[in-house]
Amino acid sequence: MEIKPTYLGTMIALATVAFGLLAAGAWNKFIADLIAVFLKPGNGIWAELLYAVVVTLIAIVVIQSLAKLAEREAALAARLPFGKKPQE
């Protein structure tokens, strides 16, 4: 039985997304519990606002870091005399 490359690529993509969602859920619980340590229970909307701000800031830092990493990798690949060239 032959496995088509598109099928295998799709399965890898689905597994990657599934594990990403699991990791996101774990980080979500961790950050929520961490904020709960510093805030009294029952703070309601203020606790949720702080949580949203913290998660947004973390997302911005991570996304910017990944973008810089991708730029450095593309610049390095462009300087190499062999290997794949960045797509335009």
Protein backbone atom coordinates (compact mmCIF):
# COMPACT_ATOMS: atom_id res chain seq x y z
CA MET A 1 0.00 0.00 0.00
CA GLU A 2 1.45 3.32 -1.07
CA ILE A 3 1.08 6.42 1.09
CA LYS A 4 0.64 9.54 -0.98
CA PRO A 5 2.92 12.47 -0.05
CA THR A 6 -0.07 14.82 0.28
CA TYR A 7 -1.73 12.45 2.75
CA LEU A 8 1.42 12.21 4.84
CA GLY A 9 1.87 16.00 4.76
CA THR A 10 -1.72 16.49 5.86
CA MET A 11 -1.34 14.04 8.75
CA ILE A 12 1.85 15.76 9.91
CA ALA A 13 0.12 19.16 9.75
CA LEU A 14 -2.88 17.88 11.72
CA ALA A 15 -0.69 16.29 14.39
CA THR A 16 1.33 19.51 14.67
CA VAL A 17 -1.82 21.58 15.15
CA ALA A 18 -3.21 19.12 17.69
CA PHE A 19 -0.05 19.22 19.80
CA GLY A 20 0.06 23.00 19.44
CA LEU A 21 -3.46 23.27 20.83
CA LEU A 22 -2.55 21.01 23.75
CA ALA A 23 0.49 23.15 24.52
CA ALA A 24 -1.57 26.34 24.23
CA GLY A 25 -4.13 24.95 26.67
CA ALA A 26 -1.42 24.02 29.15
CA TRP A 27 0.15 27.49 28.93
CA ASN A 28 -3.29 29.07 29.24
CA LYS A 29 -3.93 27.22 32.50
CA PHE A 30 -0.44 27.98 33.81
CA ILE A 31 -0.72 31.72 33.13
CA ALA A 32 -4.24 31.87 34.58
CA ASP A 33 -3.08 30.07 37.74
CA LEU A 34 0.00 32.30 37.99
CA ILE A 35 -2.12 35.45 37.83
CA ALA A 36 -4.52 33.95 40.40
CA VAL A 37 -1.58 33.68 42.82
CA PHE A 38 -1.15 37.47 42.72
CA LEU A 39 -4.83 38.45 42.62
CA LYS A 40 -7.49 37.74 45.18
CA PRO A 41 -10.33 35.49 44.03
CA GLY A 42 -13.42 37.41 43.00
CA ASN A 43 -11.65 40.32 41.31
CA GLY A 44 -13.67 39.44 38.22
CA ILE A 45 -13.27 41.73 35.26
CA TRP A 46 -9.98 43.28 36.45
CA ALA A 47 -8.35 39.88 36.77
CA GLU A 48 -9.57 38.94 33.30
CA LEU A 49 -8.27 42.22 31.87
CA LEU A 50 -4.86 41.67 33.43
CA TYR A 51 -4.83 38.11 32.12
CA ALA A 52 -5.70 39.28 28.59
CA VAL A 53 -2.96 41.94 28.68
CA VAL A 54 -0.33 39.49 29.92
CA VAL A 55 -1.25 36.87 27.30
CA THR A 56 -1.21 39.53 24.55
CA LEU A 57 2.22 40.77 25.60
CA ILE A 58 3.60 37.25 25.68
CA ALA A 59 2.13 36.55 22.23
CA ILE A 60 3.69 39.72 20.81
CA VAL A 61 7.14 38.86 22.18
CA VAL A 62 6.98 35.28 20.91
CA ILE A 63 5.71 36.26 17.44
CA GLN A 64 8.34 38.99 17.04
CA SER A 65 11.08 36.59 18.15
CA LEU A 66 9.95 33.97 15.66
CA ALA A 67 9.81 36.55 12.87
CA LYS A 68 13.37 37.69 13.62
CA LEU A 69 14.51 34.06 13.67
CA ALA A 70 12.89 33.45 10.28
CA GLU A 71 14.55 36.57 8.84
CA ARG A 72 17.97 35.46 10.09
CA GLU A 73 17.47 31.98 8.65
CA ALA A 74 16.42 33.41 5.27
CA ALA A 75 19.43 35.76 5.22
CA LEU A 76 21.77 32.89 6.07
CA ALA A 77 20.24 30.66 3.40
CA ALA A 78 20.63 33.44 0.81
CA ARG A 79 24.36 33.76 1.57
CA LEU A 80 25.07 30.06 1.20
CA PRO A 81 26.54 29.05 -2.16
CA PHE A 82 24.39 25.91 -2.13
CA GLY A 83 21.06 24.89 -0.68
CA LYS A 84 17.66 26.28 -1.28
CA LYS A 85 17.10 29.93 -1.97
CA PRO A 86 14.30 31.85 -0.20
CA GLN A 87 11.05 32.05 -2.12
CA GLU A 88 9.96 35.42 -3.42
